[in-house]
C-alpha cells in the first residue's frame, strides 16, 4: 500500500461526513458546514492510498488538522 500525504483539499463533502461519523463526531451530522470549515482551515493534511480512501484499519502515527506545523512522532 502506497500512502500519499497531502495538503491538497480535494476531499468531497460525503468523504468528510463519512470519516467524521465513523468516529462518532457530531460535526459529521453537518457535512456542508464541516466541509466549508475544512476548506477554509489553514492546514489540513489528508492520507490517501493511491487516490482511494485509506481503509478503516489504517493507523496514522500523527493526524493533525489546524494551525501549526505537521510532524511525525
PDB file of N, CA and C in Angstrom:
ATOM      1  N   UNK A   1       0.843  -1.163   0.000  1.00  0.00           N
ATOM      2  CA  UNK A   1       0.000   0.000   0.000  1.00  0.00           C
ATOM      3  C   UNK A   1       0.898   1.240   0.000  1.00  0.00           C
ATOM      4  N   UNK A   2       0.737   2.086  -0.985  1.00  0.00           N
ATOM      5  CA  UNK A   2       1.492   3.335  -1.065  1.00  0.00           C
ATOM      6  C   UNK A   2       0.618   4.464  -0.543  1.00  0.00           C
ATOM      7  N   UNK A   3       1.054   5.086   0.556  1.00  0.00           N
ATOM      8  CA  UNK A   3       0.279   6.160   1.157  1.00  0.00           C
ATOM      9  C   UNK A   3       0.778   7.509   0.677  1.00  0.00           C
ATOM     10  N   UNK A   4      -0.153   8.383   0.401  1.00  0.00           N
ATOM     11  CA  UNK A   4       0.168   9.725  -0.067  1.00  0.00           C
ATOM     12  C   UNK A   4      -0.363  10.714   0.965  1.00  0.00           C
ATOM     13  N   UNK A   5       0.538  11.500   1.559  1.00  0.00           N
ATOM     14  CA  UNK A   5       0.163  12.561   2.487  1.00  0.00           C
ATOM     15  C   UNK A   5       0.134  13.856   1.684  1.00  0.00           C
ATOM     16  N   UNK A   6      -0.953  14.609   1.794  1.00  0.00           N
ATOM     17  CA  UNK A   6      -1.050  15.832   1.015  1.00  0.00           C
ATOM     18  C   UNK A   6      -1.796  16.915   1.780  1.00  0.00           C
ATOM     19  N   UNK A   7      -1.485  18.158   1.442  1.00  0.00           N
ATOM     20  CA  UNK A   7      -2.212  19.303   1.984  1.00  0.00           C
ATOM     21  C   UNK A   7      -3.263  19.788   0.993  1.00  0.00           C
ATOM     22  N   UNK A   8      -3.397  19.111  -0.135  1.00  0.00           N
ATOM     23  CA  UNK A   8      -4.424  19.479  -1.103  1.00  0.00           C
ATOM     24  C   UNK A   8      -5.791  19.173  -0.515  1.00  0.00           C
ATOM     25  N   UNK A   9      -6.696  20.093  -0.694  1.00  0.00           N
ATOM     26  CA  UNK A   9      -8.043  19.935  -0.134  1.00  0.00           C
ATOM     27  C   UNK A   9      -8.973  19.416  -1.223  1.00  0.00           C
ATOM     28  N   UNK A  10      -8.754  18.163  -1.607  1.00  0.00           N
ATOM     29  CA  UNK A  10      -9.510  17.565  -2.710  1.00  0.00           C
ATOM     30  C   UNK A  10     -10.453  16.468  -2.222  1.00  0.00           C
ATOM     31  N   UNK A  11     -11.052  16.683  -1.067  1.00  0.00           N
ATOM     32  CA  UNK A  11     -11.991  15.723  -0.499  1.00  0.00           C
ATOM     33  C   UNK A  11     -13.415  16.235  -0.705  1.00  0.00           C
ATOM     34  N   UNK A  12     -14.338  15.302  -0.785  1.00  0.00           N
ATOM     35  CA  UNK A  12     -15.740  15.669  -1.004  1.00  0.00           C
ATOM     36  C   UNK A  12     -16.461  15.822   0.331  1.00  0.00           C
ATOM     37  N   UNK A  13     -17.611  16.448   0.260  1.00  0.00           N
ATOM     38  CA  UNK A  13     -18.461  16.588   1.435  1.00  0.00           C
ATOM     39  C   UNK A  13     -18.827  15.210   1.994  1.00  0.00           C
ATOM     40  N   UNK A  14     -19.117  14.278   1.107  1.00  0.00           N
ATOM     41  CA  UNK A  14     -19.507  12.923   1.529  1.00  0.00           C
ATOM     42  C   UNK A  14     -18.354  12.212   2.230  1.00  0.00           C
ATOM     43  N   UNK A  15     -17.129  12.348   1.710  1.00  0.00           N
ATOM     44  CA  UNK A  15     -15.969  11.713   2.339  1.00  0.00           C
ATOM     45  C   UNK A  15     -15.740  12.271   3.742  1.00  0.00           C
ATOM     46  N   UNK A  16     -15.877  13.578   3.884  1.00  0.00           N
ATOM     47  CA  UNK A  16     -15.692  14.212   5.189  1.00  0.00           C
ATOM     48  C   UNK A  16     -16.766  13.722   6.161  1.00  0.00           C
ATOM     49  N   UNK A  17     -18.002  13.691   5.706  1.00  0.00           N
ATOM     50  CA  UNK A  17     -19.089  13.232   6.560  1.00  0.00           C
ATOM     51  C   UNK A  17     -18.865  11.776   6.988  1.00  0.00           C
ATOM     52  N   UNK A  18     -18.539  10.925   6.046  1.00  0.00           N
ATOM     53  CA  UNK A  18     -18.304   9.513   6.358  1.00  0.00           C
ATOM     54  C   UNK A  18     -17.192   9.342   7.392  1.00  0.00           C
ATOM     55  N   UNK A  19     -16.098  10.080   7.217  1.00  0.00           N
ATOM     56  CA  UNK A  19     -14.970   9.991   8.139  1.00  0.00           C
ATOM     57  C   UNK A  19     -15.365  10.435   9.545  1.00  0.00           C
ATOM     58  N   UNK A  20     -15.995  11.597   9.655  1.00  0.00           N
ATOM     59  CA  UNK A  20     -16.340  12.129  10.974  1.00  0.00           C
ATOM     60  C   UNK A  20     -17.402  11.276  11.672  1.00  0.00           C
ATOM     61  N   UNK A  21     -18.368  10.782  10.929  1.00  0.00           N
ATOM     62  CA  UNK A  21     -19.389   9.928  11.537  1.00  0.00           C
ATOM     63  C   UNK A  21     -18.814   8.574  11.941  1.00  0.00           C
ATOM     64  N   UNK A  22     -17.794   8.091  11.218  1.00  0.00           N
ATOM     65  CA  UNK A  22     -17.205   6.781  11.535  1.00  0.00           C
ATOM     66  C   UNK A  22     -16.524   6.766  12.899  1.00  0.00           C
ATOM     67  N   UNK A  23     -16.142   7.941  13.393  1.00  0.00           N
ATOM     68  CA  UNK A  23     -15.523   8.020  14.726  1.00  0.00           C
ATOM     69  C   UNK A  23     -16.458   8.655  15.748  1.00  0.00           C
ATOM     70  N   UNK A  24     -17.732   8.834  15.352  1.00  0.00           N
ATOM     71  CA  UNK A  24     -18.740   9.299  16.285  1.00  0.00           C
ATOM     72  C   UNK A  24     -18.745  10.785  16.569  1.00  0.00           C
ATOM     73  N   UNK A  25     -18.132  11.587  15.706  1.00  0.00           N
ATOM     74  CA  UNK A  25     -18.108  13.029  15.925  1.00  0.00           C
ATOM     75  C   UNK A  25     -19.394  13.661  15.411  1.00  0.00           C
ATOM     76  N   UNK A  26     -20.067  14.412  16.262  1.00  0.00           N
ATOM     77  CA  UNK A  26     -21.348  15.032  15.942  1.00  0.00           C
ATOM     78  C   UNK A  26     -21.235  15.982  14.750  1.00  0.00           C
ATOM     79  N   UNK A  27     -20.099  16.582  14.571  1.00  0.00           N
ATOM     80  CA  UNK A  27     -19.930  17.525  13.454  1.00  0.00           C
ATOM     81  C   UNK A  27     -20.175  16.852  12.104  1.00  0.00           C
ATOM     82  N   UNK A  28     -20.070  15.533  12.048  1.00  0.00           N
ATOM     83  CA  UNK A  28     -20.358  14.802  10.821  1.00  0.00           C
ATOM     84  C   UNK A  28     -21.818  14.894  10.406  1.00  0.00           C
ATOM     85  N   UNK A  29     -22.671  15.321  11.333  1.00  0.00           N
ATOM     86  CA  UNK A  29     -24.093  15.488  11.021  1.00  0.00           C
ATOM     87  C   UNK A  29     -24.362  16.790  10.259  1.00  0.00           C
ATOM     88  N   UNK A  30     -23.327  17.602  10.084  1.00  0.00           N
ATOM     89  CA  UNK A  30     -23.444  18.882   9.391  1.00  0.00           C
ATOM     90  C   UNK A  30     -22.405  18.947   8.273  1.00  0.00           C
ATOM     91  N   UNK A  31     -22.528  18.074   7.279  1.00  0.00           N
ATOM     92  CA  UNK A  31     -21.481  17.920   6.280  1.00  0.00           C
ATOM     93  C   UNK A  31     -21.162  19.197   5.488  1.00  0.00           C
ATOM     94  N   UNK A  32     -22.150  19.987   5.206  1.00  0.00           N
ATOM     95  CA  UNK A  32     -21.913  21.199   4.423  1.00  0.00           C
ATOM     96  C   UNK A  32     -21.045  22.194   5.193  1.00  0.00           C
ATOM     97  N   UNK A  33     -21.407  22.417   6.453  1.00  0.00           N
ATOM     98  CA  UNK A  33     -20.635  23.349   7.285  1.00  0.00           C
ATOM     99  C   UNK A  33     -19.243  22.794   7.574  1.00  0.00           C
ATOM    100  N   UNK A  34     -19.160  21.499   7.830  1.00  0.00           N
ATOM    101  CA  UNK A  34     -17.882  20.851   8.113  1.00  0.00           C
ATOM    102  C   UNK A  34     -16.940  20.956   6.915  1.00  0.00           C
ATOM    103  N   UNK A  35     -17.458  20.635   5.742  1.00  0.00           N
ATOM    104  CA  UNK A  35     -16.662  20.701   4.511  1.00  0.00           C
ATOM    105  C   UNK A  35     -16.153  22.122   4.286  1.00  0.00           C
ATOM    106  N   UNK A  36     -17.030  23.095   4.436  1.00  0.00           N
ATOM    107  CA  UNK A  36     -16.654  24.502   4.249  1.00  0.00           C
ATOM    108  C   UNK A  36     -15.572  24.917   5.253  1.00  0.00           C
ATOM    109  N   UNK A  37     -15.731  24.490   6.507  1.00  0.00           N
ATOM    110  CA  UNK A  37     -14.744  24.821   7.540  1.00  0.00           C
ATOM    111  C   UNK A  37     -13.381  24.231   7.214  1.00  0.00           C
ATOM    112  N   UNK A  38     -13.352  22.979   6.769  1.00  0.00           N
ATOM    113  CA  UNK A  38     -12.073  22.345   6.417  1.00  0.00           C
ATOM    114  C   UNK A  38     -11.427  23.026   5.211  1.00  0.00           C
ATOM    115  N   UNK A  39     -12.238  23.394   4.224  1.00  0.00           N
ATOM    116  CA  UNK A  39     -11.697  24.069   3.045  1.00  0.00           C
ATOM    117  C   UNK A  39     -11.073  25.416   3.403  1.00  0.00           C
ATOM    118  N   UNK A  40     -11.567  26.054   4.459  1.00  0.00           N
ATOM    119  CA  UNK A  40     -11.051  27.357   4.864  1.00  0.00           C
ATOM    120  C   UNK A  40     -10.039  27.281   6.003  1.00  0.00           C
ATOM    121  N   UNK A  41      -9.732  26.081   6.482  1.00  0.00           N
ATOM    122  CA  UNK A  41      -8.717  25.910   7.525  1.00  0.00           C
ATOM    123  C   UNK A  41      -7.331  26.099   6.920  1.00  0.00           C
ATOM    124  N   UNK A  42      -6.415  26.708   7.669  1.00  0.00           N
ATOM    125  CA  UNK A  42      -5.073  26.953   7.114  1.00  0.00           C
ATOM    126  C   UNK A  42      -4.293  25.679   6.809  1.00  0.00           C
ATOM    127  N   UNK A  43      -4.470  24.647   7.623  1.00  0.00           N
ATOM    128  CA  UNK A  43      -3.728  23.404   7.417  1.00  0.00           C
ATOM    129  C   UNK A  43      -4.660  22.211   7.563  1.00  0.00           C
ATOM    130  N   UNK A  44      -4.753  21.419   6.511  1.00  0.00           N
ATOM    131  CA  UNK A  44      -5.495  20.163   6.548  1.00  0.00           C
ATOM    132  C   UNK A  44      -4.636  19.137   5.826  1.00  0.00           C
ATOM    133  N   UNK A  45      -4.304  18.066   6.493  1.00  0.00           N
ATOM    134  CA  UNK A  45      -3.489  17.017   5.882  1.00  0.00           C
ATOM    135  C   UNK A  45      -4.350  15.770   5.750  1.00  0.00           C
ATOM    136  N   UNK A  46      -4.385  15.227   4.546  1.00  0.00           N
ATOM    137  CA  UNK A  46      -5.146  14.010   4.301  1.00  0.00           C
ATOM    138  C   UNK A  46      -4.197  12.900   3.871  1.00  0.00           C
ATOM    139  N   UNK A  47      -4.622  11.659   4.087  1.00  0.00           N
ATOM    140  CA  UNK A  47      -3.827  10.491   3.712  1.00  0.00           C
ATOM    141  C   UNK A  47      -4.656   9.661   2.749  1.00  0.00           C
ATOM    142  N   UNK A  48      -4.052   9.310   1.619  1.00  0.00           N
ATOM    143  CA  UNK A  48      -4.741   8.549   0.576  1.00  0.00           C
ATOM    144  C   UNK A  48      -3.918   7.331   0.199  1.00  0.00           C
ATOM    145  N   UNK A  49      -4.603   6.274  -0.182  1.00  0.00           N
ATOM    146  CA  UNK A  49      -3.953   5.083  -0.713  1.00  0.00           C
ATOM    147  C   UNK A  49      -4.138   5.115  -2.217  1.00  0.00           C
ATOM    148  N   UNK A  50      -3.162   5.651  -2.914  1.00  0.00           N
ATOM    149  CA  UNK A  50      -3.204   5.781  -4.373  1.00  0.00           C
ATOM    150  C   UNK A  50      -4.571   6.279  -4.848  1.00  0.00           C
ATOM    151  N   UNK A  51      -4.971   7.445  -4.302  1.00  0.00           N
ATOM    152  CA  UNK A  51      -6.212   8.141  -4.648  1.00  0.00           C
ATOM    153  C   UNK A  51      -7.483   7.417  -4.222  1.00  0.00           C
ATOM    154  N   UNK A  52      -7.379   6.460  -3.305  1.00  0.00           N
ATOM    155  CA  UNK A  52      -8.545   5.808  -2.718  1.00  0.00           C
ATOM    156  C   UNK A  52      -8.564   6.168  -1.248  1.00  0.00           C
ATOM    157  N   UNK A  53      -9.719   6.108  -0.627  1.00  0.00           N
ATOM    158  CA  UNK A  53      -9.789   6.347   0.813  1.00  0.00           C
ATOM    159  C   UNK A  53      -8.946   5.309   1.535  1.00  0.00           C
ATOM    160  N   UNK A  54      -8.275   5.728   2.586  1.00  0.00           N
ATOM    161  CA  UNK A  54      -7.482   4.807   3.391  1.00  0.00           C
ATOM    162  C   UNK A  54      -8.439   3.901   4.158  1.00  0.00           C
ATOM    163  N   UNK A  55      -8.151   2.594   4.233  1.00  0.00           N
ATOM    164  CA  UNK A  55      -9.050   1.663   4.921  1.00  0.00           C
ATOM    165  C   UNK A  55      -9.228   2.005   6.400  1.00  0.00           C
ATOM    166  N   UNK A  56     -10.333   1.557   6.959  1.00  0.00           N
ATOM    167  CA  UNK A  56     -10.664   1.845   8.354  1.00  0.00           C
ATOM    168  C   UNK A  56      -9.596   1.355   9.325  1.00  0.00           C
ATOM    169  N   UNK A  57      -8.896   0.276   8.991  1.00  0.00           N
ATOM    170  CA  UNK A  57      -7.929  -0.285   9.932  1.00  0.00           C
ATOM    171  C   UNK A  57      -6.549   0.370   9.834  1.00  0.00           C
ATOM    172  N   UNK A  58      -6.394   1.388   8.979  1.00  0.00           N
ATOM    173  CA  UNK A  58      -5.119   2.096   8.866  1.00  0.00           C
ATOM    174  C   UNK A  58      -4.936   2.998  10.075  1.00  0.00           C
ATOM    175  N   UNK A  59      -3.757   2.930  10.690  1.00  0.00           N
ATOM    176  CA  UNK A  59      -3.465   3.794  11.826  1.00  0.00           C
ATOM    177  C   UNK A  59      -2.362   4.767  11.454  1.00  0.00           C
ATOM    178  N   UNK A  60      -2.676   6.029  11.564  1.00  0.00           N
ATOM    179  CA  UNK A  60      -1.712   7.098  11.269  1.00  0.00           C
ATOM    180  C   UNK A  60      -0.991   7.455  12.569  1.00  0.00           C
ATOM    181  N   UNK A  61       0.359   7.554  12.572  1.00  0.00           N
ATOM    182  CA  UNK A  61       1.067   7.871  13.808  1.00  0.00           C
ATOM    183  C   UNK A  61       0.682   9.239  14.359  1.00  0.00           C
ATOM    184  N   UNK A  62       0.434  10.204  13.492  1.00  0.00           N
ATOM    185  CA  UNK A  62       0.020  11.540  13.913  1.00  0.00           C
ATOM    186  C   UNK A  62      -0.985  12.055  12.894  1.00  0.00           C
ATOM    187  N   UNK A  63      -2.142  12.471  13.344  1.00  0.00           N
ATOM    188  CA  UNK A  63      -3.125  13.086  12.466  1.00  0.00           C
ATOM    189  C   UNK A  63      -3.417  14.462  13.022  1.00  0.00           C
ATOM    190  N   UNK A  64      -3.300  15.486  12.196  1.00  0.00           N
ATOM    191  CA  UNK A  64      -3.410  16.856  12.679  1.00  0.00           C
ATOM    192  C   UNK A  64      -4.227  17.683  11.715  1.00  0.00           C
ATOM    193  N   UNK A  65      -5.161  18.443  12.236  1.00  0.00           N
ATOM    194  CA  UNK A  65      -5.908  19.410  11.445  1.00  0.00           C
ATOM    195  C   UNK A  65      -5.912  20.702  12.242  1.00  0.00           C
ATOM    196  N   UNK A  66      -5.442  21.770  11.649  1.00  0.00           N
ATOM    197  CA  UNK A  66      -5.456  23.061  12.332  1.00  0.00           C
ATOM    198  C   UNK A  66      -4.188  23.837  12.068  1.00  0.00           C
ATOM    199  N   UNK A  67      -3.913  24.835  12.902  1.00  0.00           N
ATOM    200  CA  UNK A  67      -2.740  25.686  12.727  1.00  0.00           C
ATOM    201  C   UNK A  67      -1.479  24.942  13.151  1.00  0.00           C
ATOM    202  N   UNK A  68      -0.349  25.365  12.604  1.00  0.00           N
ATOM    203  CA  UNK A  68       0.928  24.838  13.052  1.00  0.00           C
ATOM    204  C   UNK A  68       1.617  23.970  12.026  1.00  0.00           C
ATOM    205  N   UNK A  69       2.665  23.366  12.431  1.00  0.00           N
ATOM    206  CA  UNK A  69       3.478  22.519  11.572  1.00  0.00           C
ATOM    207  C   UNK A  69       3.073  21.063  11.752  1.00  0.00           C
ATOM    208  N   UNK A  70       3.219  20.284  10.690  1.00  0.00           N
ATOM    209  CA  UNK A  70       2.961  18.853  10.757  1.00  0.00           C
ATOM    210  C   UNK A  70       4.259  18.142  11.054  1.00  0.00           C
ATOM    211  N   UNK A  71       4.214  17.228  11.990  1.00  0.00           N
ATOM    212  CA  UNK A  71       5.418  16.444  12.274  1.00  0.00           C
ATOM    213  C   UNK A  71       5.009  15.026  12.638  1.00  0.00           C
ATOM    214  N   UNK A  72       5.893  14.086  12.376  1.00  0.00           N
ATOM    215  CA  UNK A  72       5.660  12.701  12.749  1.00  0.00           C
ATOM    216  C   UNK A  72       6.414  12.416  14.020  1.00  0.00           C
ATOM    217  N   UNK A  73       5.797  11.676  14.923  1.00  0.00           N
ATOM    218  CA  UNK A  73       6.456  11.336  16.181  1.00  0.00           C
ATOM    219  C   UNK A  73       6.681   9.841  16.255  1.00  0.00           C
TER     220      UNK A  73
END
